[in-house]
Amino acid sequence: MLHTIPSKISFDNQYLYIQWKDGKECKYDLLNLRRYCPCAQCRGGHGEPNRTTLNIQKIELVGYKKIGRYAISLIWSDGHDTGIYTFDSLRYFCDQNKEYRPPGEE
């Protein structure tokens, strides 16, 4: 259970960093996280993914909000903040050494 609970979250101009309670440290490319935002708007609706964000070339992370004990919502410089990134999925992609993709777009 500790492997999907963050003990520290930080970011810089290029990466989101999560240190997990089991000691593992992971980093996530911000541009990739924004391009693959898991919200319905960015995925192109509720049907088959028709991603509307792949053309984003530059983005800054302004901040984040914890969503309960299971996720974070990232606040982007373009004003977007509705994507919910679960800790389970973030840890999964770190453990697999893969770029983040929302469920169904792996």
PDB file of N, CA and C in Angstrom:
ATOM      1  N   MET A   1       0.819  -1.202   0.000  1.00  0.00           N
ATOM      2  CA  MET A   1       0.000   0.000   0.000  1.00  0.00           C
ATOM      3  C   MET A   1       0.856   1.257   0.000  1.00  0.00           C
ATOM      4  N   LEU A   2       1.990   1.248   0.691  1.00  0.00           N
ATOM      5  CA  LEU A   2       2.834   2.440   0.764  1.00  0.00           C
ATOM      6  C   LEU A   2       3.380   2.856  -0.590  1.00  0.00           C
ATOM      7  N   HIS A   3       3.450   1.919  -1.529  1.00  0.00           N
ATOM      8  CA  HIS A   3       4.048   2.251  -2.810  1.00  0.00           C
ATOM      9  C   HIS A   3       3.194   3.199  -3.650  1.00  0.00           C
ATOM     10  N   THR A   4       1.937   3.408  -3.318  1.00  0.00           N
ATOM     11  CA  THR A   4       1.120   4.364  -4.067  1.00  0.00           C
ATOM     12  C   THR A   4       0.693   5.559  -3.218  1.00  0.00           C
ATOM     13  N   ILE A   5       1.422   5.823  -2.151  1.00  0.00           N
ATOM     14  CA  ILE A   5       1.163   7.005  -1.321  1.00  0.00           C
ATOM     15  C   ILE A   5       2.397   7.902  -1.391  1.00  0.00           C
ATOM     16  N   PRO A   6       2.235   9.129  -1.902  1.00  0.00           N
ATOM     17  CA  PRO A   6       3.401  10.012  -1.982  1.00  0.00           C
ATOM     18  C   PRO A   6       3.760  10.612  -0.623  1.00  0.00           C
ATOM     19  N   SER A   7       5.055  10.752  -0.390  1.00  0.00           N
ATOM     20  CA  SER A   7       5.501  11.452   0.811  1.00  0.00           C
ATOM     21  C   SER A   7       5.920  12.878   0.458  1.00  0.00           C
ATOM     22  N   LYS A   8       6.287  13.105  -0.805  1.00  0.00           N
ATOM     23  CA  LYS A   8       6.695  14.442  -1.235  1.00  0.00           C
ATOM     24  C   LYS A   8       6.376  14.608  -2.723  1.00  0.00           C
ATOM     25  N   ILE A   9       5.806  15.760  -3.070  1.00  0.00           N
ATOM     26  CA  ILE A   9       5.519  16.107  -4.459  1.00  0.00           C
ATOM     27  C   ILE A   9       6.133  17.471  -4.716  1.00  0.00           C
ATOM     28  N   SER A  10       6.880  17.587  -5.810  1.00  0.00           N
ATOM     29  CA  SER A  10       7.467  18.874  -6.192  1.00  0.00           C
ATOM     30  C   SER A  10       7.552  18.933  -7.711  1.00  0.00           C
ATOM     31  N   PHE A  11       7.909  20.092  -8.239  1.00  0.00           N
ATOM     32  CA  PHE A  11       8.047  20.239  -9.685  1.00  0.00           C
ATOM     33  C   PHE A  11       9.006  21.379  -9.995  1.00  0.00           C
ATOM     34  N   ASP A  12       9.529  21.324 -11.218  1.00  0.00           N
ATOM     35  CA  ASP A  12      10.335  22.414 -11.743  1.00  0.00           C
ATOM     36  C   ASP A  12       9.788  22.756 -13.127  1.00  0.00           C
ATOM     37  N   ASN A  13      10.574  23.360 -13.983  1.00  0.00           N
ATOM     38  CA  ASN A  13      10.082  23.771 -15.306  1.00  0.00           C
ATOM     39  C   ASN A  13       9.871  22.619 -16.277  1.00  0.00           C
ATOM     40  N   GLN A  14      10.421  21.436 -15.965  1.00  0.00           N
ATOM     41  CA  GLN A  14      10.331  20.324 -16.900  1.00  0.00           C
ATOM     42  C   GLN A  14       9.677  19.069 -16.332  1.00  0.00           C
ATOM     43  N   TYR A  15       9.763  18.865 -15.026  1.00  0.00           N
ATOM     44  CA  TYR A  15       9.308  17.601 -14.448  1.00  0.00           C
ATOM     45  C   TYR A  15       8.461  17.784 -13.191  1.00  0.00           C
ATOM     46  N   LEU A  16       7.574  16.811 -12.982  1.00  0.00           N
ATOM     47  CA  LEU A  16       6.877  16.610 -11.716  1.00  0.00           C
ATOM     48  C   LEU A  16       7.637  15.496 -11.017  1.00  0.00           C
ATOM     49  N   TYR A  17       7.969  15.696  -9.749  1.00  0.00           N
ATOM     50  CA  TYR A  17       8.702  14.695  -8.973  1.00  0.00           C
ATOM     51  C   TYR A  17       7.811  14.175  -7.857  1.00  0.00           C
ATOM     52  N   ILE A  18       7.797  12.862  -7.701  1.00  0.00           N
ATOM     53  CA  ILE A  18       7.071  12.262  -6.590  1.00  0.00           C
ATOM     54  C   ILE A  18       8.014  11.310  -5.870  1.00  0.00           C
ATOM     55  N   GLN A  19       8.130  11.517  -4.582  1.00  0.00           N
ATOM     56  CA  GLN A  19       8.826  10.559  -3.736  1.00  0.00           C
ATOM     57  C   GLN A  19       7.736   9.805  -2.988  1.00  0.00           C
ATOM     58  N   TRP A  20       7.752   8.482  -3.132  1.00  0.00           N
ATOM     59  CA  TRP A  20       6.721   7.640  -2.540  1.00  0.00           C
ATOM     60  C   TRP A  20       7.137   7.219  -1.144  1.00  0.00           C
ATOM     61  N   LYS A  21       6.162   6.859  -0.334  1.00  0.00           N
ATOM     62  CA  LYS A  21       6.444   6.488   1.056  1.00  0.00           C
ATOM     63  C   LYS A  21       7.319   5.252   1.193  1.00  0.00           C
ATOM     64  N   ASP A  22       7.405   4.437   0.148  1.00  0.00           N
ATOM     65  CA  ASP A  22       8.303   3.277   0.205  1.00  0.00           C
ATOM     66  C   ASP A  22       9.726   3.645  -0.200  1.00  0.00           C
ATOM     67  N   GLY A  23       9.972   4.945  -0.488  1.00  0.00           N
ATOM     68  CA  GLY A  23      11.310   5.420  -0.807  1.00  0.00           C
ATOM     69  C   GLY A  23      11.602   5.608  -2.286  1.00  0.00           C
ATOM     70  N   LYS A  24      10.795   5.057  -3.176  1.00  0.00           N
ATOM     71  CA  LYS A  24      11.031   5.199  -4.614  1.00  0.00           C
ATOM     72  C   LYS A  24      10.790   6.639  -5.035  1.00  0.00           C
ATOM     73  N   GLU A  25      11.646   7.136  -5.934  1.00  0.00           N
ATOM     74  CA  GLU A  25      11.508   8.476  -6.479  1.00  0.00           C
ATOM     75  C   GLU A  25      11.225   8.377  -7.965  1.00  0.00           C
ATOM     76  N   CYS A  26      10.257   9.155  -8.433  1.00  0.00           N
ATOM     77  CA  CYS A  26       9.856   9.126  -9.830  1.00  0.00           C
ATOM     78  C   CYS A  26       9.781  10.546 -10.367  1.00  0.00           C
ATOM     79  N   LYS A  27      10.030  10.677 -11.678  1.00  0.00           N
ATOM     80  CA  LYS A  27       9.844  11.977 -12.314  1.00  0.00           C
ATOM     81  C   LYS A  27       9.023  11.787 -13.581  1.00  0.00           C
ATOM     82  N   TYR A  28       8.211  12.792 -13.873  1.00  0.00           N
ATOM     83  CA  TYR A  28       7.265  12.741 -14.975  1.00  0.00           C
ATOM     84  C   TYR A  28       7.428  14.006 -15.806  1.00  0.00           C
ATOM     85  N   ASP A  29       7.554  13.843 -17.110  1.00  0.00           N
ATOM     86  CA  ASP A  29       7.703  14.964 -18.022  1.00  0.00           C
ATOM     87  C   ASP A  29       6.405  15.781 -18.057  1.00  0.00           C
ATOM     88  N   LEU A  30       6.511  17.081 -17.785  1.00  0.00           N
ATOM     89  CA  LEU A  30       5.321  17.921 -17.708  1.00  0.00           C
ATOM     90  C   LEU A  30       4.583  18.026 -19.037  1.00  0.00           C
ATOM     91  N   LEU A  31       5.314  18.201 -20.135  1.00  0.00           N
ATOM     92  CA  LEU A  31       4.657  18.313 -21.434  1.00  0.00           C
ATOM     93  C   LEU A  31       3.869  17.045 -21.749  1.00  0.00           C
ATOM     94  N   ASN A  32       4.437  15.900 -21.448  1.00  0.00           N
ATOM     95  CA  ASN A  32       3.733  14.637 -21.656  1.00  0.00           C
ATOM     96  C   ASN A  32       2.483  14.565 -20.781  1.00  0.00           C
ATOM     97  N   LEU A  33       2.596  14.957 -19.511  1.00  0.00           N
ATOM     98  CA  LEU A  33       1.430  14.927 -18.624  1.00  0.00           C
ATOM     99  C   LEU A  33       0.316  15.824 -19.146  1.00  0.00           C
ATOM    100  N   ARG A  34       0.666  16.997 -19.665  1.00  0.00           N
ATOM    101  CA  ARG A  34      -0.365  17.909 -20.188  1.00  0.00           C
ATOM    102  C   ARG A  34      -0.972  17.362 -21.469  1.00  0.00           C
ATOM    103  N   ARG A  35      -0.131  16.854 -22.363  1.00  0.00           N
ATOM    104  CA  ARG A  35      -0.639  16.310 -23.625  1.00  0.00           C
ATOM    105  C   ARG A  35      -1.580  15.134 -23.392  1.00  0.00           C
ATOM    106  N   TYR A  36      -1.317  14.358 -22.360  1.00  0.00           N
ATOM    107  CA  TYR A  36      -2.130  13.174 -22.073  1.00  0.00           C
ATOM    108  C   TYR A  36      -2.994  13.359 -20.826  1.00  0.00           C
ATOM    109  N   CYS A  37      -3.491  14.565 -20.640  1.00  0.00           N
ATOM    110  CA  CYS A  37      -4.405  14.834 -19.533  1.00  0.00           C
ATOM    111  C   CYS A  37      -5.559  13.823 -19.598  1.00  0.00           C
ATOM    112  N   PRO A  38      -5.933  13.234 -18.463  1.00  0.00           N
ATOM    113  CA  PRO A  38      -6.962  12.189 -18.478  1.00  0.00           C
ATOM    114  C   PRO A  38      -8.408  12.690 -18.479  1.00  0.00           C
ATOM    115  N   CYS A  39      -8.638  13.995 -18.494  1.00  0.00           N
ATOM    116  CA  CYS A  39     -10.026  14.477 -18.416  1.00  0.00           C
ATOM    117  C   CYS A  39     -10.768  14.246 -19.738  1.00  0.00           C
ATOM    118  N   ALA A  40     -12.091  14.222 -19.678  1.00  0.00           N
ATOM    119  CA  ALA A  40     -12.921  13.962 -20.855  1.00  0.00           C
ATOM    120  C   ALA A  40     -12.736  15.042 -21.920  1.00  0.00           C
ATOM    121  N   GLN A  41     -12.594  16.281 -21.525  1.00  0.00           N
ATOM    122  CA  GLN A  41     -12.421  17.371 -22.487  1.00  0.00           C
ATOM    123  C   GLN A  41     -11.159  17.153 -23.327  1.00  0.00           C
ATOM    124  N   CYS A  42     -10.057  16.853 -22.697  1.00  0.00           N
ATOM    125  CA  CYS A  42      -8.795  16.662 -23.410  1.00  0.00           C
ATOM    126  C   CYS A  42      -8.758  15.366 -24.205  1.00  0.00           C
ATOM    127  N   ARG A  43      -9.482  14.379 -23.742  1.00  0.00           N
ATOM    128  CA  ARG A  43      -9.523  13.097 -24.452  1.00  0.00           C
ATOM    129  C   ARG A  43     -10.451  13.154 -25.652  1.00  0.00           C
ATOM    130  N   GLY A  44     -11.232  14.224 -25.762  1.00  0.00           N
ATOM    131  CA  GLY A  44     -12.120  14.372 -26.908  1.00  0.00           C
ATOM    132  C   GLY A  44     -13.511  13.842 -26.672  1.00  0.00           C
ATOM    133  N   GLY A  45     -13.951  13.793 -25.442  1.00  0.00           N
ATOM    134  CA  GLY A  45     -15.295  13.332 -25.139  1.00  0.00           C
ATOM    135  C   GLY A  45     -15.290  12.028 -24.381  1.00  0.00           C
ATOM    136  N   HIS A  46     -16.447  11.418 -24.326  1.00  0.00           N
ATOM    137  CA  HIS A  46     -16.610  10.208 -23.529  1.00  0.00           C
ATOM    138  C   HIS A  46     -16.528   8.925 -24.345  1.00  0.00           C
ATOM    139  N   GLY A  47     -16.381   9.023 -25.663  1.00  0.00           N
ATOM    140  CA  GLY A  47     -16.270   7.820 -26.500  1.00  0.00           C
ATOM    141  C   GLY A  47     -14.819   7.427 -26.687  1.00  0.00           C
ATOM    142  N   GLU A  48     -14.504   6.972 -27.883  1.00  0.00           N
ATOM    143  CA  GLU A  48     -13.122   6.628 -28.217  1.00  0.00           C
ATOM    144  C   GLU A  48     -12.250   7.865 -28.097  1.00  0.00           C
ATOM    145  N   PRO A  49     -11.028   7.702 -27.573  1.00  0.00           N
ATOM    146  CA  PRO A  49     -10.148   8.868 -27.446  1.00  0.00           C
ATOM    147  C   PRO A  49      -9.924   9.575 -28.779  1.00  0.00           C
ATOM    148  N   ASN A  50     -10.122  10.865 -28.788  1.00  0.00           N
ATOM    149  CA  ASN A  50      -9.848  11.741 -29.929  1.00  0.00           C
ATOM    150  C   ASN A  50      -9.098  12.930 -29.339  1.00  0.00           C
ATOM    151  N   ARG A  51      -7.904  12.672 -28.873  1.00  0.00           N
ATOM    152  CA  ARG A  51      -7.102  13.598 -28.080  1.00  0.00           C
ATOM    153  C   ARG A  51      -6.958  14.955 -28.764  1.00  0.00           C
ATOM    154  N   THR A  52      -7.273  16.014 -27.997  1.00  0.00           N
ATOM    155  CA  THR A  52      -7.219  17.382 -28.524  1.00  0.00           C
ATOM    156  C   THR A  52      -5.974  18.134 -28.068  1.00  0.00           C
ATOM    157  N   THR A  53      -5.083  17.485 -27.319  1.00  0.00           N
ATOM    158  CA  THR A  53      -3.967  18.194 -26.689  1.00  0.00           C
ATOM    159  C   THR A  53      -2.587  17.809 -27.215  1.00  0.00           C
ATOM    160  N   LEU A  54      -2.524  16.954 -28.208  1.00  0.00           N
ATOM    161  CA  LEU A  54      -1.222  16.482 -28.676  1.00  0.00           C
ATOM    162  C   LEU A  54      -0.392  17.572 -29.354  1.00  0.00           C
ATOM    163  N   ASN A  55      -1.040  18.649 -29.800  1.00  0.00           N
ATOM    164  CA  ASN A  55      -0.304  19.726 -30.471  1.00  0.00           C
ATOM    165  C   ASN A  55       0.298  20.746 -29.504  1.00  0.00           C
ATOM    166  N   ILE A  56       0.088  20.603 -28.211  1.00  0.00           N
ATOM    167  CA  ILE A  56       0.679  21.533 -27.243  1.00  0.00           C
ATOM    168  C   ILE A  56       2.197  21.385 -27.298  1.00  0.00           C
ATOM    169  N   GLN A  57       2.892  22.508 -27.492  1.00  0.00           N
ATOM    170  CA  GLN A  57       4.348  22.486 -27.636  1.00  0.00           C
ATOM    171  C   GLN A  57       5.090  22.974 -26.401  1.00  0.00           C
ATOM    172  N   LYS A  58       4.417  23.784 -25.574  1.00  0.00           N
ATOM    173  CA  LYS A  58       5.067  24.334 -24.391  1.00  0.00           C
ATOM    174  C   LYS A  58       4.016  24.518 -23.301  1.00  0.00           C
ATOM    175  N   ILE A  59       4.388  24.204 -22.076  1.00  0.00           N
ATOM    176  CA  ILE A  59       3.448  24.327 -20.951  1.00  0.00           C
ATOM    177  C   ILE A  59       4.244  24.498 -19.665  1.00  0.00           C
ATOM    178  N   GLU A  60       3.631  25.152 -18.710  1.00  0.00           N
ATOM    179  CA  GLU A  60       4.223  25.275 -17.382  1.00  0.00           C
ATOM    180  C   GLU A  60       3.226  24.776 -16.357  1.00  0.00           C
ATOM    181  N   LEU A  61       3.746  24.127 -15.350  1.00  0.00           N
ATOM    182  CA  LEU A  61       2.917  23.709 -14.226  1.00  0.00           C
ATOM    183  C   LEU A  61       2.929  24.838 -13.210  1.00  0.00           C
ATOM    184  N   VAL A  62       1.740  25.301 -12.847  1.00  0.00           N
ATOM    185  CA  VAL A  62       1.596  26.408 -11.904  1.00  0.00           C
ATOM    186  C   VAL A  62       1.485  25.887 -10.476  1.00  0.00           C
ATOM    187  N   GLY A  63       0.838  24.737 -10.320  1.00  0.00           N
ATOM    188  CA  GLY A  63       0.643  24.144  -9.001  1.00  0.00           C
ATOM    189  C   GLY A  63      -0.137  22.848  -9.116  1.00  0.00           C
ATOM    190  N   TYR A  64      -0.527  22.327  -7.983  1.00  0.00           N
ATOM    191  CA  TYR A  64      -1.321  21.100  -7.959  1.00  0.00           C
ATOM    192  C   TYR A  64      -2.209  21.106  -6.722  1.00  0.00           C
ATOM    193  N   LYS A  65      -3.257  20.277  -6.789  1.00  0.00           N
ATOM    194  CA  LYS A  65      -4.158  20.073  -5.660  1.00  0.00           C
ATOM    195  C   LYS A  65      -4.261  18.573  -5.418  1.00  0.00           C
ATOM    196  N   LYS A  66      -4.184  18.174  -4.168  1.00  0.00           N
ATOM    197  CA  LYS A  66      -4.426  16.774  -3.858  1.00  0.00           C
ATOM    198  C   LYS A  66      -5.921  16.510  -3.927  1.00  0.00           C
ATOM    199  N   ILE A  67      -6.263  15.371  -4.487  1.00  0.00           N
ATOM    200  CA  ILE A  67      -7.655  14.938  -4.571  1.00  0.00           C
ATOM    201  C   ILE A  67      -7.780  13.755  -3.626  1.00  0.00           C
ATOM    202  N   GLY A  68      -8.259  14.019  -2.441  1.00  0.00           N
ATOM    203  CA  GLY A  68      -8.346  12.972  -1.431  1.00  0.00           C
ATOM    204  C   GLY A  68      -6.977  12.356  -1.185  1.00  0.00           C
ATOM    205  N   ARG A  69      -6.975  11.041  -1.009  1.00  0.00           N
ATOM    206  CA  ARG A  69      -5.720  10.313  -0.793  1.00  0.00           C
ATOM    207  C   ARG A  69      -5.348   9.470  -1.995  1.00  0.00           C
ATOM    208  N   TYR A  70      -6.012   9.734  -3.151  1.00  0.00           N
ATOM    209  CA  TYR A  70      -5.800   8.845  -4.285  1.00  0.00           C
ATOM    210  C   TYR A  70      -5.270   9.521  -5.550  1.00  0.00           C
ATOM    211  N   ALA A  71      -5.215  10.862  -5.599  1.00  0.00           N
ATOM    212  CA  ALA A  71      -4.866  11.509  -6.869  1.00  0.00           C
ATOM    213  C   ALA A  71      -4.433  12.954  -6.656  1.00  0.00           C
ATOM    214  N   ILE A  72      -3.944  13.544  -7.771  1.00  0.00           N
ATOM    215  CA  ILE A  72      -3.674  14.979  -7.810  1.00  0.00           C
ATOM    216  C   ILE A  72      -4.289  15.557  -9.076  1.00  0.00           C
ATOM    217  N   SER A  73      -4.622  16.828  -8.994  1.00  0.00           N
ATOM    218  CA  SER A  73      -5.063  17.600 -10.142  1.00  0.00           C
ATOM    219  C   SER A  73      -3.978  18.636 -10.394  1.00  0.00           C
ATOM    220  N   LEU A  74      -3.485  18.699 -11.625  1.00  0.00           N
ATOM    221  CA  LEU A  74      -2.409  19.625 -11.962  1.00  0.00           C
ATOM    222  C   LEU A  74      -2.997  20.916 -12.516  1.00  0.00           C
ATOM    223  N   ILE A  75      -2.426  22.029 -12.117  1.00  0.00           N
ATOM    224  CA  ILE A  75      -2.895  23.344 -12.543  1.00  0.00           C
ATOM    225  C   ILE A  75      -1.870  23.880 -13.542  1.00  0.00           C
ATOM    226  N   TRP A  76      -2.311  24.049 -14.790  1.00  0.00           N
ATOM    227  CA  TRP A  76      -1.420  24.393 -15.894  1.00  0.00           C
ATOM    228  C   TRP A  76      -1.476  25.871 -16.249  1.00  0.00           C
ATOM    229  N   SER A  77      -0.432  26.355 -16.906  1.00  0.00           N
ATOM    230  CA  SER A  77      -0.339  27.758 -17.303  1.00  0.00           C
ATOM    231  C   SER A  77      -1.385  28.151 -18.346  1.00  0.00           C
ATOM    232  N   ASP A  78      -1.993  27.183 -19.026  1.00  0.00           N
ATOM    233  CA  ASP A  78      -3.062  27.504 -19.981  1.00  0.00           C
ATOM    234  C   ASP A  78      -4.432  27.555 -19.303  1.00  0.00           C
ATOM    235  N   GLY A  79      -4.448  27.477 -17.963  1.00  0.00           N
ATOM    236  CA  GLY A  79      -5.693  27.578 -17.205  1.00  0.00           C
ATOM    237  C   GLY A  79      -6.395  26.253 -16.967  1.00  0.00           C
ATOM    238  N   HIS A  80      -5.920  25.195 -17.559  1.00  0.00           N
ATOM    239  CA  HIS A  80      -6.564  23.884 -17.413  1.00  0.00           C
ATOM    240  C   HIS A  80      -6.217  23.272 -16.057  1.00  0.00           C
ATOM    241  N   ASP A  81      -7.229  22.672 -15.401  1.00  0.00           N
ATOM    242  CA  ASP A  81      -6.985  22.050 -14.092  1.00  0.00           C
ATOM    243  C   ASP A  81      -7.971  20.933 -13.759  1.00  0.00           C
ATOM    244  N   THR A  82      -8.609  20.349 -14.765  1.00  0.00           N
ATOM    245  CA  THR A  82      -9.635  19.344 -14.477  1.00  0.00           C
ATOM    246  C   THR A  82      -9.156  17.902 -14.599  1.00  0.00           C
ATOM    247  N   GLY A  83      -7.942  17.687 -15.030  1.00  0.00           N
ATOM    248  CA  GLY A  83      -7.422  16.318 -15.124  1.00  0.00           C
ATOM    249  C   GLY A  83      -7.088  15.759 -13.758  1.00  0.00           C
ATOM    250  N   ILE A  84      -7.509  14.551 -13.489  1.00  0.00           N
ATOM    251  CA  ILE A  84      -7.213  13.881 -12.223  1.00  0.00           C
ATOM    252  C   ILE A  84      -6.253  12.728 -12.519  1.00  0.00           C
ATOM    253  N   TYR A  85      -5.050  12.842 -11.993  1.00  0.00           N
ATOM    254  CA  TYR A  85      -3.992  11.851 -12.194  1.00  0.00           C
ATOM    255  C   TYR A  85      -3.928  10.992 -10.933  1.00  0.00           C
ATOM    256  N   THR A  86      -4.337   9.734 -11.031  1.00  0.00           N
ATOM    257  CA  THR A  86      -4.347   8.889  -9.842  1.00  0.00           C
ATOM    258  C   THR A  86      -2.932   8.486  -9.463  1.00  0.00           C
ATOM    259  N   PHE A  87      -2.712   8.338  -8.172  1.00  0.00           N
ATOM    260  CA  PHE A  87      -1.406   7.895  -7.702  1.00  0.00           C
ATOM    261  C   PHE A  87      -1.099   6.489  -8.206  1.00  0.00           C
ATOM    262  N   ASP A  88      -2.120   5.634  -8.277  1.00  0.00           N
ATOM    263  CA  ASP A  88      -1.908   4.274  -8.786  1.00  0.00           C
ATOM    264  C   ASP A  88      -1.348   4.304 -10.209  1.00  0.00           C
ATOM    265  N   SER A  89      -1.949   5.131 -11.084  1.00  0.00           N
ATOM    266  CA  SER A  89      -1.488   5.156 -12.473  1.00  0.00           C
ATOM    267  C   SER A  89      -0.115   5.816 -12.594  1.00  0.00           C
ATOM    268  N   LEU A  90       0.127   6.872 -11.846  1.00  0.00           N
ATOM    269  CA  LEU A  90       1.449   7.509 -11.885  1.00  0.00           C
ATOM    270  C   LEU A  90       2.532   6.530 -11.433  1.00  0.00           C
ATOM    271  N   ARG A  91       2.277   5.808 -10.375  1.00  0.00           N
ATOM    272  CA  ARG A  91       3.272   4.852  -9.891  1.00  0.00           C
ATOM    273  C   ARG A  91       3.454   3.706 -10.879  1.00  0.00           C
ATOM    274  N   TYR A  92       2.375   3.243 -11.455  1.00  0.00           N
ATOM    275  CA  TYR A  92       2.460   2.161 -12.431  1.00  0.00           C
ATOM    276  C   TYR A  92       3.412   2.527 -13.574  1.00  0.00           C
ATOM    277  N   PHE A  93       3.229   3.706 -14.151  1.00  0.00           N
ATOM    278  CA  PHE A  93       4.067   4.086 -15.288  1.00  0.00           C
ATOM    279  C   PHE A  93       5.513   4.317 -14.874  1.00  0.00           C
ATOM    280  N   CYS A  94       5.738   4.790 -13.685  1.00  0.00           N
ATOM    281  CA  CYS A  94       7.101   4.927 -13.186  1.00  0.00           C
ATOM    282  C   CYS A  94       7.744   3.551 -13.035  1.00  0.00           C
ATOM    283  N   ASP A  95       7.039   2.624 -12.437  1.00  0.00           N
ATOM    284  CA  ASP A  95       7.570   1.275 -12.241  1.00  0.00           C
ATOM    285  C   ASP A  95       7.850   0.573 -13.570  1.00  0.00           C
ATOM    286  N   GLN A  96       7.079   0.908 -14.608  1.00  0.00           N
ATOM    287  CA  GLN A  96       7.250   0.299 -15.926  1.00  0.00           C
ATOM    288  C   GLN A  96       8.253   1.057 -16.802  1.00  0.00           C
ATOM    289  N   ASN A  97       8.802   2.163 -16.279  1.00  0.00           N
ATOM    290  CA  ASN A  97       9.711   3.023 -17.052  1.00  0.00           C
ATOM    291  C   ASN A  97       9.081   3.482 -18.367  1.00  0.00           C
ATOM    292  N   LYS A  98       7.802   3.853 -18.300  1.00  0.00           N
ATOM    293  CA  LYS A  98       7.064   4.317 -19.455  1.00  0.00           C
ATOM    294  C   LYS A  98       6.566   5.736 -19.211  1.00  0.00           C
ATOM    295  N   GLU A  99       6.295   6.440 -20.311  1.00  0.00           N
ATOM    296  CA  GLU A  99       5.650   7.753 -20.215  1.00  0.00           C
ATOM    297  C   GLU A  99       4.210   7.555 -19.767  1.00  0.00           C
ATOM    298  N   TYR A 100       3.696   8.525 -19.017  1.00  0.00           N
ATOM    299  CA  TYR A 100       2.317   8.464 -18.511  1.00  0.00           C
ATOM    300  C   TYR A 100       1.327   8.443 -19.660  1.00  0.00           C
ATOM    301  N   ARG A 101       0.315   7.602 -19.559  1.00  0.00           N
ATOM    302  CA  ARG A 101      -0.851   7.573 -20.444  1.00  0.00           C
ATOM    303  C   ARG A 101      -2.060   7.269 -19.576  1.00  0.00           C
ATOM    304  N   PRO A 102      -3.188   7.946 -19.835  1.00  0.00           N
ATOM    305  CA  PRO A 102      -4.387   7.636 -19.069  1.00  0.00           C
ATOM    306  C   PRO A 102      -4.898   6.234 -19.393  1.00  0.00           C
ATOM    307  N   PRO A 103      -5.685   5.649 -18.503  1.00  0.00           N
ATOM    308  CA  PRO A 103      -6.250   4.325 -18.770  1.00  0.00           C
ATOM    309  C   PRO A 103      -6.985   4.326 -20.118  1.00  0.00           C
ATOM    310  N   GLY A 104      -6.772   3.283 -20.889  1.00  0.00           N
ATOM    311  CA  GLY A 104      -7.405   3.172 -22.197  1.00  0.00           C
ATOM    312  C   GLY A 104      -6.572   3.741 -23.334  1.00  0.00           C
ATOM    313  N   GLU A 105      -5.478   4.429 -23.006  1.00  0.00           N
ATOM    314  CA  GLU A 105      -4.635   5.010 -24.060  1.00  0.00           C
ATOM    315  C   GLU A 105      -3.206   4.482 -23.982  1.00  0.00           C
ATOM    316  N   GLU A 106      -3.015   3.408 -23.268  1.00  0.00           N
ATOM    317  CA  GLU A 106      -1.670   2.857 -23.098  1.00  0.00           C
ATOM    318  C   GLU A 106      -1.140   2.272 -24.382  1.00  0.00           C
TER     319      GLU A 106
END
